[in-house]
PDB file of N, CA and C in Angstrom:
ATOM      1  N   UNK A   1      19.996 -87.026  29.481  1.00  0.00           N
ATOM      2  CA  UNK A   1      20.042 -85.575  29.339  1.00  0.00           C
ATOM      3  C   UNK A   1      18.637 -85.019  29.564  1.00  0.00           C
ATOM      4  N   UNK A   2      18.542 -84.015  30.396  1.00  0.00           N
ATOM      5  CA  UNK A   2      17.265 -83.350  30.663  1.00  0.00           C
ATOM      6  C   UNK A   2      17.186 -82.099  29.799  1.00  0.00           C
ATOM      7  N   UNK A   3      16.152 -82.065  28.945  1.00  0.00           N
ATOM      8  CA  UNK A   3      15.938 -80.921  28.053  1.00  0.00           C
ATOM      9  C   UNK A   3      14.864 -80.009  28.635  1.00  0.00           C
ATOM     10  N   UNK A   4      15.171 -78.714  28.631  1.00  0.00           N
ATOM     11  CA  UNK A   4      14.271 -77.702  29.162  1.00  0.00           C
ATOM     12  C   UNK A   4      13.800 -76.820  28.010  1.00  0.00           C
ATOM     13  N   UNK A   5      12.493 -76.538  27.982  1.00  0.00           N
ATOM     14  CA  UNK A   5      11.912 -75.660  26.972  1.00  0.00           C
ATOM     15  C   UNK A   5      11.337 -74.428  27.640  1.00  0.00           C
ATOM     16  N   UNK A   6      11.631 -73.255  27.080  1.00  0.00           N
ATOM     17  CA  UNK A   6      10.976 -72.029  27.487  1.00  0.00           C
ATOM     18  C   UNK A   6      10.598 -71.263  26.225  1.00  0.00           C
ATOM     19  N   UNK A   7       9.590 -70.421  26.332  1.00  0.00           N
ATOM     20  CA  UNK A   7       9.062 -69.729  25.154  1.00  0.00           C
ATOM     21  C   UNK A   7       8.831 -68.255  25.443  1.00  0.00           C
ATOM     22  N   UNK A   8       8.829 -67.440  24.388  1.00  0.00           N
ATOM     23  CA  UNK A   8       8.532 -66.023  24.550  1.00  0.00           C
ATOM     24  C   UNK A   8       8.747 -65.241  23.275  1.00  0.00           C
ATOM     25  N   UNK A   9       8.511 -63.945  23.358  1.00  0.00           N
ATOM     26  CA  UNK A   9       8.673 -63.040  22.216  1.00  0.00           C
ATOM     27  C   UNK A   9      10.121 -62.552  22.147  1.00  0.00           C
ATOM     28  N   UNK A  10      10.656 -62.079  23.251  1.00  0.00           N
ATOM     29  CA  UNK A  10      12.044 -61.603  23.376  1.00  0.00           C
ATOM     30  C   UNK A  10      12.376 -60.494  22.376  1.00  0.00           C
ATOM     31  N   UNK A  11      11.428 -59.580  22.169  1.00  0.00           N
ATOM     32  CA  UNK A  11      11.661 -58.506  21.208  1.00  0.00           C
ATOM     33  C   UNK A  11      12.526 -57.418  21.819  1.00  0.00           C
ATOM     34  N   UNK A  12      12.132 -56.911  22.927  1.00  0.00           N
ATOM     35  CA  UNK A  12      13.001 -55.978  23.636  1.00  0.00           C
ATOM     36  C   UNK A  12      13.706 -56.826  24.688  1.00  0.00           C
ATOM     37  N   UNK A  13      14.845 -57.400  24.324  1.00  0.00           N
ATOM     38  CA  UNK A  13      15.542 -58.316  25.219  1.00  0.00           C
ATOM     39  C   UNK A  13      16.051 -57.558  26.431  1.00  0.00           C
ATOM     40  N   UNK A  14      15.775 -58.092  27.620  1.00  0.00           N
ATOM     41  CA  UNK A  14      16.190 -57.420  28.843  1.00  0.00           C
ATOM     42  C   UNK A  14      16.718 -58.419  29.871  1.00  0.00           C
ATOM     43  N   UNK A  15      17.183 -57.912  30.991  1.00  0.00           N
ATOM     44  CA  UNK A  15      17.806 -58.725  32.019  1.00  0.00           C
ATOM     45  C   UNK A  15      16.879 -59.826  32.541  1.00  0.00           C
ATOM     46  N   UNK A  16      15.587 -59.547  32.617  1.00  0.00           N
ATOM     47  CA  UNK A  16      14.621 -60.560  33.063  1.00  0.00           C
ATOM     48  C   UNK A  16      14.621 -61.776  32.150  1.00  0.00           C
ATOM     49  N   UNK A  17      14.782 -61.559  30.842  1.00  0.00           N
ATOM     50  CA  UNK A  17      14.860 -62.677  29.897  1.00  0.00           C
ATOM     51  C   UNK A  17      16.110 -63.515  30.165  1.00  0.00           C
ATOM     52  N   UNK A  18      17.232 -62.838  30.361  1.00  0.00           N
ATOM     53  CA  UNK A  18      18.468 -63.563  30.643  1.00  0.00           C
ATOM     54  C   UNK A  18      18.332 -64.381  31.923  1.00  0.00           C
ATOM     55  N   UNK A  19      17.740 -63.799  32.953  1.00  0.00           N
ATOM     56  CA  UNK A  19      17.544 -64.518  34.225  1.00  0.00           C
ATOM     57  C   UNK A  19      16.618 -65.722  34.023  1.00  0.00           C
ATOM     58  N   UNK A  20      15.584 -65.577  33.204  1.00  0.00           N
ATOM     59  CA  UNK A  20      14.705 -66.699  32.891  1.00  0.00           C
ATOM     60  C   UNK A  20      15.508 -67.827  32.264  1.00  0.00           C
ATOM     61  N   UNK A  21      16.358 -67.496  31.301  1.00  0.00           N
ATOM     62  CA  UNK A  21      17.174 -68.513  30.633  1.00  0.00           C
ATOM     63  C   UNK A  21      18.134 -69.180  31.622  1.00  0.00           C
ATOM     64  N   UNK A  22      18.779 -68.375  32.459  1.00  0.00           N
ATOM     65  CA  UNK A  22      19.720 -68.928  33.439  1.00  0.00           C
ATOM     66  C   UNK A  22      19.013 -69.865  34.419  1.00  0.00           C
ATOM     67  N   UNK A  23      17.858 -69.438  34.908  1.00  0.00           N
ATOM     68  CA  UNK A  23      17.101 -70.270  35.838  1.00  0.00           C
ATOM     69  C   UNK A  23      16.581 -71.529  35.162  1.00  0.00           C
ATOM     70  N   UNK A  24      16.137 -71.401  33.928  1.00  0.00           N
ATOM     71  CA  UNK A  24      15.640 -72.557  33.181  1.00  0.00           C
ATOM     72  C   UNK A  24      16.760 -73.555  32.945  1.00  0.00           C
ATOM     73  N   UNK A  25      17.932 -73.082  32.606  1.00  0.00           N
ATOM     74  CA  UNK A  25      19.069 -73.963  32.339  1.00  0.00           C
ATOM     75  C   UNK A  25      19.456 -74.757  33.584  1.00  0.00           C
ATOM     76  N   UNK A  26      19.256 -74.192  34.755  1.00  0.00           N
ATOM     77  CA  UNK A  26      19.558 -74.892  36.003  1.00  0.00           C
ATOM     78  C   UNK A  26      18.631 -76.087  36.236  1.00  0.00           C
ATOM     79  N   UNK A  27      17.525 -76.136  35.511  1.00  0.00           N
ATOM     80  CA  UNK A  27      16.566 -77.234  35.660  1.00  0.00           C
ATOM     81  C   UNK A  27      16.943 -78.461  34.837  1.00  0.00           C
ATOM     82  N   UNK A  28      17.965 -78.331  34.003  1.00  0.00           N
ATOM     83  CA  UNK A  28      18.363 -79.448  33.154  1.00  0.00           C
ATOM     84  C   UNK A  28      19.736 -79.252  32.557  1.00  0.00           C
ATOM     85  N   UNK A  29      19.964 -79.983  31.463  1.00  0.00           N
ATOM     86  CA  UNK A  29      21.271 -79.979  30.804  1.00  0.00           C
ATOM     87  C   UNK A  29      21.283 -79.224  29.485  1.00  0.00           C
ATOM     88  N   UNK A  30      20.119 -79.059  28.878  1.00  0.00           N
ATOM     89  CA  UNK A  30      20.027 -78.548  27.508  1.00  0.00           C
ATOM     90  C   UNK A  30      18.836 -77.603  27.455  1.00  0.00           C
ATOM     91  N   UNK A  31      19.078 -76.353  27.053  1.00  0.00           N
ATOM     92  CA  UNK A  31      18.012 -75.343  27.023  1.00  0.00           C
ATOM     93  C   UNK A  31      17.580 -75.038  25.595  1.00  0.00           C
ATOM     94  N   UNK A  32      16.296 -75.236  25.347  1.00  0.00           N
ATOM     95  CA  UNK A  32      15.673 -74.892  24.068  1.00  0.00           C
ATOM     96  C   UNK A  32      14.811 -73.657  24.301  1.00  0.00           C
ATOM     97  N   UNK A  33      15.049 -72.609  23.520  1.00  0.00           N
ATOM     98  CA  UNK A  33      14.254 -71.391  23.618  1.00  0.00           C
ATOM     99  C   UNK A  33      13.443 -71.251  22.339  1.00  0.00           C
ATOM    100  N   UNK A  34      12.130 -71.152  22.494  1.00  0.00           N
ATOM    101  CA  UNK A  34      11.233 -70.943  21.359  1.00  0.00           C
ATOM    102  C   UNK A  34      10.883 -69.459  21.289  1.00  0.00           C
ATOM    103  N   UNK A  35      11.102 -68.871  20.128  1.00  0.00           N
ATOM    104  CA  UNK A  35      10.857 -67.449  19.890  1.00  0.00           C
ATOM    105  C   UNK A  35       9.594 -67.314  19.034  1.00  0.00           C
ATOM    106  N   UNK A  36       8.652 -66.511  19.512  1.00  0.00           N
ATOM    107  CA  UNK A  36       7.368 -66.403  18.818  1.00  0.00           C
ATOM    108  C   UNK A  36       7.486 -65.633  17.504  1.00  0.00           C
ATOM    109  N   UNK A  37       6.818 -66.148  16.495  1.00  0.00           N
ATOM    110  CA  UNK A  37       6.814 -65.584  15.149  1.00  0.00           C
ATOM    111  C   UNK A  37       6.138 -64.213  15.123  1.00  0.00           C
ATOM    112  N   UNK A  38       6.777 -63.265  14.440  1.00  0.00           N
ATOM    113  CA  UNK A  38       6.264 -61.892  14.406  1.00  0.00           C
ATOM    114  C   UNK A  38       4.887 -61.781  13.756  1.00  0.00           C
ATOM    115  N   UNK A  39       4.610 -62.578  12.733  1.00  0.00           N
ATOM    116  CA  UNK A  39       3.293 -62.520  12.090  1.00  0.00           C
ATOM    117  C   UNK A  39       2.200 -62.950  13.056  1.00  0.00           C
ATOM    118  N   UNK A  40       2.493 -63.941  13.888  1.00  0.00           N
ATOM    119  CA  UNK A  40       1.513 -64.396  14.872  1.00  0.00           C
ATOM    120  C   UNK A  40       1.312 -63.334  15.953  1.00  0.00           C
ATOM    121  N   UNK A  41       2.387 -62.679  16.352  1.00  0.00           N
ATOM    122  CA  UNK A  41       2.271 -61.614  17.359  1.00  0.00           C
ATOM    123  C   UNK A  41       1.332 -60.532  16.836  1.00  0.00           C
ATOM    124  N   UNK A  42       1.538 -60.118  15.585  1.00  0.00           N
ATOM    125  CA  UNK A  42       0.718 -59.058  15.005  1.00  0.00           C
ATOM    126  C   UNK A  42      -0.727 -59.512  14.784  1.00  0.00           C
ATOM    127  N   UNK A  43      -0.916 -60.794  14.581  1.00  0.00           N
ATOM    128  CA  UNK A  43      -2.271 -61.332  14.418  1.00  0.00           C
ATOM    129  C   UNK A  43      -3.050 -61.200  15.725  1.00  0.00           C
ATOM    130  N   UNK A  44      -2.380 -61.486  16.840  1.00  0.00           N
ATOM    131  CA  UNK A  44      -3.057 -61.441  18.134  1.00  0.00           C
ATOM    132  C   UNK A  44      -2.987 -60.062  18.789  1.00  0.00           C
ATOM    133  N   UNK A  45      -1.962 -59.271  18.421  1.00  0.00           N
ATOM    134  CA  UNK A  45      -1.794 -57.914  18.967  1.00  0.00           C
ATOM    135  C   UNK A  45      -1.454 -56.976  17.812  1.00  0.00           C
ATOM    136  N   UNK A  46      -2.453 -56.584  17.026  1.00  0.00           N
ATOM    137  CA  UNK A  46      -2.183 -55.802  15.809  1.00  0.00           C
ATOM    138  C   UNK A  46      -1.473 -54.468  16.028  1.00  0.00           C
ATOM    139  N   UNK A  47      -1.532 -53.925  17.215  1.00  0.00           N
ATOM    140  CA  UNK A  47      -0.883 -52.637  17.497  1.00  0.00           C
ATOM    141  C   UNK A  47       0.512 -52.787  18.100  1.00  0.00           C
ATOM    142  N   UNK A  48       1.003 -54.005  18.171  1.00  0.00           N
ATOM    143  CA  UNK A  48       2.324 -54.244  18.765  1.00  0.00           C
ATOM    144  C   UNK A  48       3.414 -53.572  17.927  1.00  0.00           C
ATOM    145  N   UNK A  49       4.370 -53.001  18.608  1.00  0.00           N
ATOM    146  CA  UNK A  49       5.531 -52.385  17.957  1.00  0.00           C
ATOM    147  C   UNK A  49       6.691 -53.366  18.073  1.00  0.00           C
ATOM    148  N   UNK A  50       6.968 -54.080  17.006  1.00  0.00           N
ATOM    149  CA  UNK A  50       8.022 -55.084  17.013  1.00  0.00           C
ATOM    150  C   UNK A  50       9.322 -54.449  16.530  1.00  0.00           C
ATOM    151  N   UNK A  51      10.365 -54.565  17.344  1.00  0.00           N
ATOM    152  CA  UNK A  51      11.656 -53.965  17.009  1.00  0.00           C
ATOM    153  C   UNK A  51      12.469 -54.839  16.057  1.00  0.00           C
ATOM    154  N   UNK A  52      12.447 -56.152  16.292  1.00  0.00           N
ATOM    155  CA  UNK A  52      13.290 -57.073  15.533  1.00  0.00           C
ATOM    156  C   UNK A  52      12.446 -58.146  14.865  1.00  0.00           C
ATOM    157  N   UNK A  53      12.893 -58.586  13.703  1.00  0.00           N
ATOM    158  CA  UNK A  53      12.197 -59.682  13.015  1.00  0.00           C
ATOM    159  C   UNK A  53      12.357 -60.967  13.821  1.00  0.00           C
ATOM    160  N   UNK A  54      11.582 -61.957  13.461  1.00  0.00           N
ATOM    161  CA  UNK A  54      11.698 -63.253  14.126  1.00  0.00           C
ATOM    162  C   UNK A  54      13.111 -63.789  14.001  1.00  0.00           C
ATOM    163  N   UNK A  55      13.675 -63.732  12.808  1.00  0.00           N
ATOM    164  CA  UNK A  55      15.028 -64.260  12.591  1.00  0.00           C
ATOM    165  C   UNK A  55      16.071 -63.491  13.386  1.00  0.00           C
ATOM    166  N   UNK A  56      15.920 -62.169  13.500  1.00  0.00           N
ATOM    167  CA  UNK A  56      16.861 -61.377  14.294  1.00  0.00           C
ATOM    168  C   UNK A  56      16.768 -61.742  15.775  1.00  0.00           C
ATOM    169  N   UNK A  57      15.541 -61.927  16.282  1.00  0.00           N
ATOM    170  CA  UNK A  57      15.373 -62.306  17.687  1.00  0.00           C
ATOM    171  C   UNK A  57      15.927 -63.699  17.938  1.00  0.00           C
ATOM    172  N   UNK A  58      15.742 -64.610  16.996  1.00  0.00           N
ATOM    173  CA  UNK A  58      16.310 -65.950  17.140  1.00  0.00           C
ATOM    174  C   UNK A  58      17.838 -65.890  17.163  1.00  0.00           C
ATOM    175  N   UNK A  59      18.404 -65.033  16.339  1.00  0.00           N
ATOM    176  CA  UNK A  59      19.861 -64.875  16.313  1.00  0.00           C
ATOM    177  C   UNK A  59      20.378 -64.293  17.628  1.00  0.00           C
ATOM    178  N   UNK A  60      19.703 -63.272  18.136  1.00  0.00           N
ATOM    179  CA  UNK A  60      20.105 -62.658  19.406  1.00  0.00           C
ATOM    180  C   UNK A  60      20.058 -63.669  20.545  1.00  0.00           C
ATOM    181  N   UNK A  61      18.960 -64.398  20.648  1.00  0.00           N
ATOM    182  CA  UNK A  61      18.805 -65.387  21.717  1.00  0.00           C
ATOM    183  C   UNK A  61      19.828 -66.511  21.547  1.00  0.00           C
ATOM    184  N   UNK A  62      20.028 -66.953  20.323  1.00  0.00           N
ATOM    185  CA  UNK A  62      20.956 -68.047  20.058  1.00  0.00           C
ATOM    186  C   UNK A  62      22.408 -67.708  20.338  1.00  0.00           C
ATOM    187  N   UNK A  63      22.729 -66.430  20.387  1.00  0.00           N
ATOM    188  CA  UNK A  63      24.111 -66.006  20.653  1.00  0.00           C
ATOM    189  C   UNK A  63      24.479 -66.124  22.136  1.00  0.00           C
ATOM    190  N   UNK A  64      23.501 -66.340  22.976  1.00  0.00           N
ATOM    191  CA  UNK A  64      23.767 -66.438  24.410  1.00  0.00           C
ATOM    192  C   UNK A  64      24.335 -67.807  24.750  1.00  0.00           C
ATOM    193  N   UNK A  65      25.376 -67.836  25.574  1.00  0.00           N
ATOM    194  CA  UNK A  65      26.026 -69.096  25.968  1.00  0.00           C
ATOM    195  C   UNK A  65      25.073 -70.059  26.666  1.00  0.00           C
ATOM    196  N   UNK A  66      24.119 -69.536  27.403  1.00  0.00           N
ATOM    197  CA  UNK A  66      23.219 -70.374  28.188  1.00  0.00           C
ATOM    198  C   UNK A  66      22.206 -71.125  27.315  1.00  0.00           C
ATOM    199  N   UNK A  67      22.008 -70.664  26.089  1.00  0.00           N
ATOM    200  CA  UNK A  67      21.011 -71.251  25.178  1.00  0.00           C
ATOM    201  C   UNK A  67      21.684 -72.285  24.276  1.00  0.00           C
ATOM    202  N   UNK A  68      21.086 -73.477  24.222  1.00  0.00           N
ATOM    203  CA  UNK A  68      21.633 -74.545  23.390  1.00  0.00           C
ATOM    204  C   UNK A  68      20.965 -74.648  22.024  1.00  0.00           C
ATOM    205  N   UNK A  69      19.685 -74.274  21.945  1.00  0.00           N
ATOM    206  CA  UNK A  69      18.943 -74.407  20.691  1.00  0.00           C
ATOM    207  C   UNK A  69      17.838 -73.366  20.658  1.00  0.00           C
ATOM    208  N   UNK A  70      17.581 -72.816  19.473  1.00  0.00           N
ATOM    209  CA  UNK A  70      16.513 -71.838  19.294  1.00  0.00           C
ATOM    210  C   UNK A  70      15.595 -72.328  18.182  1.00  0.00           C
ATOM    211  N   UNK A  71      14.299 -72.249  18.434  1.00  0.00           N
ATOM    212  CA  UNK A  71      13.299 -72.616  17.435  1.00  0.00           C
ATOM    213  C   UNK A  71      12.256 -71.506  17.380  1.00  0.00           C
ATOM    214  N   UNK A  72      11.502 -71.469  16.310  1.00  0.00           N
ATOM    215  CA  UNK A  72      10.396 -70.530  16.193  1.00  0.00           C
ATOM    216  C   UNK A  72       9.094 -71.226  16.550  1.00  0.00           C
ATOM    217  N   UNK A  73       8.084 -70.433  16.895  1.00  0.00           N
ATOM    218  CA  UNK A  73       6.759 -71.006  17.171  1.00  0.00           C
ATOM    219  C   UNK A  73       5.680 -69.955  16.984  1.00  0.00           C
ATOM    220  N   UNK A  74       4.445 -70.433  16.911  1.00  0.00           N
ATOM    221  CA  UNK A  74       3.290 -69.536  16.873  1.00  0.00           C
ATOM    222  C   UNK A  74       2.529 -69.670  18.189  1.00  0.00           C
ATOM    223  N   UNK A  75       1.808 -70.770  18.363  1.00  0.00           N
ATOM    224  CA  UNK A  75       1.006 -70.993  19.573  1.00  0.00           C
ATOM    225  C   UNK A  75       1.779 -71.803  20.599  1.00  0.00           C
ATOM    226  N   UNK A  76       1.777 -71.353  21.839  1.00  0.00           N
ATOM    227  CA  UNK A  76       2.501 -72.055  22.895  1.00  0.00           C
ATOM    228  C   UNK A  76       1.921 -73.441  23.143  1.00  0.00           C
ATOM    229  N   UNK A  77       0.589 -73.571  23.033  1.00  0.00           N
ATOM    230  CA  UNK A  77      -0.004 -74.875  23.283  1.00  0.00           C
ATOM    231  C   UNK A  77       0.251 -75.847  22.135  1.00  0.00           C
ATOM    232  N   UNK A  78       0.752 -75.360  21.013  1.00  0.00           N
ATOM    233  CA  UNK A  78       1.134 -76.241  19.893  1.00  0.00           C
ATOM    234  C   UNK A  78       2.618 -76.616  19.972  1.00  0.00           C
ATOM    235  N   UNK A  79       3.470 -75.676  20.336  1.00  0.00           N
ATOM    236  CA  UNK A  79       4.918 -75.948  20.331  1.00  0.00           C
ATOM    237  C   UNK A  79       5.287 -77.017  21.353  1.00  0.00           C
ATOM    238  N   UNK A  80       4.577 -77.071  22.479  1.00  0.00           N
ATOM    239  CA  UNK A  80       4.914 -78.093  23.473  1.00  0.00           C
ATOM    240  C   UNK A  80       4.682 -79.501  22.937  1.00  0.00           C
ATOM    241  N   UNK A  81       3.809 -79.617  21.953  1.00  0.00           N
ATOM    242  CA  UNK A  81       3.515 -80.925  21.358  1.00  0.00           C
ATOM    243  C   UNK A  81       4.510 -81.288  20.251  1.00  0.00           C
ATOM    244  N   UNK A  82       5.301 -80.316  19.806  1.00  0.00           N
ATOM    245  CA  UNK A  82       6.191 -80.515  18.668  1.00  0.00           C
ATOM    246  C   UNK A  82       7.657 -80.695  19.060  1.00  0.00           C
ATOM    247  N   UNK A  83       8.019 -80.308  20.271  1.00  0.00           N
ATOM    248  CA  UNK A  83       9.411 -80.318  20.714  1.00  0.00           C
ATOM    249  C   UNK A  83       9.631 -81.460  21.706  1.00  0.00           C
ATOM    250  N   UNK A  84      10.780 -82.104  21.610  1.00  0.00           N
ATOM    251  CA  UNK A  84      11.161 -83.132  22.564  1.00  0.00           C
ATOM    252  C   UNK A  84      11.820 -82.447  23.764  1.00  0.00           C
ATOM    253  N   UNK A  85      11.158 -82.454  24.917  1.00  0.00           N
ATOM    254  CA  UNK A  85      11.685 -81.814  26.122  1.00  0.00           C
ATOM    255  C   UNK A  85      11.163 -82.540  27.357  1.00  0.00           C
ATOM    256  N   UNK A  86      11.762 -82.230  28.491  1.00  0.00           N
ATOM    257  CA  UNK A  86      11.381 -82.847  29.764  1.00  0.00           C
ATOM    258  C   UNK A  86      10.775 -81.862  30.754  1.00  0.00           C
ATOM    259  N   UNK A  87      11.246 -80.604  30.697  1.00  0.00           N
ATOM    260  CA  UNK A  87      10.813 -79.579  31.649  1.00  0.00           C
ATOM    261  C   UNK A  87      10.347 -78.354  30.862  1.00  0.00           C
ATOM    262  N   UNK A  88       9.180 -77.811  31.235  1.00  0.00           N
ATOM    263  CA  UNK A  88       8.642 -76.604  30.619  1.00  0.00           C
ATOM    264  C   UNK A  88       8.816 -75.464  31.612  1.00  0.00           C
ATOM    265  N   UNK A  89       9.707 -74.529  31.312  1.00  0.00           N
ATOM    266  CA  UNK A  89      10.012 -73.415  32.205  1.00  0.00           C
ATOM    267  C   UNK A  89       9.312 -72.152  31.707  1.00  0.00           C
ATOM    268  N   UNK A  90       8.446 -71.604  32.557  1.00  0.00           N
ATOM    269  CA  UNK A  90       7.724 -70.388  32.174  1.00  0.00           C
ATOM    270  C   UNK A  90       7.882 -69.330  33.256  1.00  0.00           C
ATOM    271  N   UNK A  91       7.717 -68.084  32.838  1.00  0.00           N
ATOM    272  CA  UNK A  91       7.763 -66.976  33.782  1.00  0.00           C
ATOM    273  C   UNK A  91       6.426 -66.811  34.472  1.00  0.00           C
ATOM    274  N   UNK A  92       6.423 -66.114  35.593  1.00  0.00           N
ATOM    275  CA  UNK A  92       5.188 -65.961  36.362  1.00  0.00           C
ATOM    276  C   UNK A  92       4.121 -65.172  35.620  1.00  0.00           C
ATOM    277  N   UNK A  93       4.517 -64.347  34.655  1.00  0.00           N
ATOM    278  CA  UNK A  93       3.539 -63.563  33.900  1.00  0.00           C
ATOM    279  C   UNK A  93       3.009 -64.316  32.674  1.00  0.00           C
ATOM    280  N   UNK A  94       3.508 -65.500  32.442  1.00  0.00           N
ATOM    281  CA  UNK A  94       3.062 -66.288  31.292  1.00  0.00           C
ATOM    282  C   UNK A  94       1.927 -67.197  31.751  1.00  0.00           C
ATOM    283  N   UNK A  95       0.703 -66.636  31.740  1.00  0.00           N
ATOM    284  CA  UNK A  95      -0.428 -67.364  32.302  1.00  0.00           C
ATOM    285  C   UNK A  95      -1.711 -67.250  31.478  1.00  0.00           C
ATOM    286  N   UNK A  96      -1.635 -66.751  30.249  1.00  0.00           N
ATOM    287  CA  UNK A  96      -2.859 -66.639  29.451  1.00  0.00           C
ATOM    288  C   UNK A  96      -3.349 -68.031  29.052  1.00  0.00           C
ATOM    289  N   UNK A  97      -4.470 -68.078  28.371  1.00  0.00           N
ATOM    290  CA  UNK A  97      -5.128 -69.347  28.052  1.00  0.00           C
ATOM    291  C   UNK A  97      -4.222 -70.346  27.329  1.00  0.00           C
ATOM    292  N   UNK A  98      -3.420 -69.862  26.386  1.00  0.00           N
ATOM    293  CA  UNK A  98      -2.504 -70.754  25.670  1.00  0.00           C
ATOM    294  C   UNK A  98      -1.512 -71.415  26.609  1.00  0.00           C
ATOM    295  N   UNK A  99      -0.983 -70.649  27.570  1.00  0.00           N
ATOM    296  CA  UNK A  99      -0.062 -71.212  28.548  1.00  0.00           C
ATOM    297  C   UNK A  99      -0.771 -72.203  29.458  1.00  0.00           C
ATOM    298  N   UNK A 100      -1.995 -71.889  29.839  1.00  0.00           N
ATOM    299  CA  UNK A 100      -2.753 -72.808  30.687  1.00  0.00           C
ATOM    300  C   UNK A 100      -2.955 -74.145  29.972  1.00  0.00           C
ATOM    301  N   UNK A 101      -3.279 -74.095  28.692  1.00  0.00           N
ATOM    302  CA  UNK A 101      -3.442 -75.326  27.905  1.00  0.00           C
ATOM    303  C   UNK A 101      -2.116 -76.078  27.792  1.00  0.00           C
ATOM    304  N   UNK A 102      -1.027 -75.342  27.572  1.00  0.00           N
ATOM    305  CA  UNK A 102       0.297 -75.966  27.444  1.00  0.00           C
ATOM    306  C   UNK A 102       0.708 -76.640  28.746  1.00  0.00           C
ATOM    307  N   UNK A 103       0.482 -75.970  29.862  1.00  0.00           N
ATOM    308  CA  UNK A 103       0.837 -76.535  31.166  1.00  0.00           C
ATOM    309  C   UNK A 103      -0.007 -77.777  31.436  1.00  0.00           C
ATOM    310  N   UNK A 104      -1.270 -77.731  31.124  1.00  0.00           N
ATOM    311  CA  UNK A 104      -2.139 -78.896  31.323  1.00  0.00           C
ATOM    312  C   UNK A 104      -1.665 -80.078  30.484  1.00  0.00           C
ATOM    313  N   UNK A 105      -1.291 -79.807  29.219  1.00  0.00           N
ATOM    314  CA  UNK A 105      -0.779 -80.865  28.341  1.00  0.00           C
ATOM    315  C   UNK A 105       0.490 -81.459  28.940  1.00  0.00           C
ATOM    316  N   UNK A 106       1.369 -80.597  29.450  1.00  0.00           N
ATOM    317  CA  UNK A 106       2.620 -81.070  30.062  1.00  0.00           C
ATOM    318  C   UNK A 106       2.330 -81.990  31.243  1.00  0.00           C
ATOM    319  N   UNK A 107       1.375 -81.604  32.071  1.00  0.00           N
ATOM    320  CA  UNK A 107       1.017 -82.442  33.224  1.00  0.00           C
ATOM    321  C   UNK A 107       0.500 -83.802  32.762  1.00  0.00           C
ATOM    322  N   UNK A 108      -0.354 -83.798  31.742  1.00  0.00           N
ATOM    323  CA  UNK A 108      -0.914 -85.047  31.217  1.00  0.00           C
ATOM    324  C   UNK A 108       0.160 -85.968  30.644  1.00  0.00           C
ATOM    325  N   UNK A 109       1.217 -85.377  30.098  1.00  0.00           N
ATOM    326  CA  UNK A 109       2.283 -86.149  29.460  1.00  0.00           C
ATOM    327  C   UNK A 109       3.466 -86.434  30.384  1.00  0.00           C
ATOM    328  N   UNK A 110       3.357 -86.034  31.638  1.00  0.00           N
ATOM    329  CA  UNK A 110       4.415 -86.319  32.602  1.00  0.00           C
ATOM    330  C   UNK A 110       5.617 -85.394  32.519  1.00  0.00           C
ATOM    331  N   UNK A 111       5.437 -84.254  31.894  1.00  0.00           N
ATOM    332  CA  UNK A 111       6.513 -83.255  31.841  1.00  0.00           C
ATOM    333  C   UNK A 111       6.524 -82.468  33.149  1.00  0.00           C
ATOM    334  N   UNK A 112       7.687 -82.004  33.524  1.00  0.00           N
ATOM    335  CA  UNK A 112       7.776 -81.165  34.736  1.00  0.00           C
ATOM    336  C   UNK A 112       7.555 -79.726  34.382  1.00  0.00           C
TER     337      UNK A 112
END
C-alpha cells in the first residue's frame, strides 16, 4: 500500500483544496491529510482570521471520501518525521522554509 501525505491549514476550504486531495490520492492508495493547529498558525501569523477550530477543520476534511486519515500538526518539517508515508504531496505555493526542509528530509529518506 502506498501512503500519501499532504499538509495545510484548510480553514477556508475551497475547490483548490479538494483538487489537491484528489490529485494526491492518485499518487497512492491511502491519503493522510495533516491539518495545521490553530495555536501554531496564530503564533506564526498573529493577525490571521481563523474561521474554524483545528478540530472543526479536521472534521470537515475527514468527511471527504477521498481522505482516509486526518491528523493534526504544527511544523511541516516535524510532521514528515512522525508519520508513516511514502509520497509527500504539496501544492505549488507550499514553498516556505519549513516545506523546503520537509522536502529535503523526504529526499534523504527516499520518499517521493
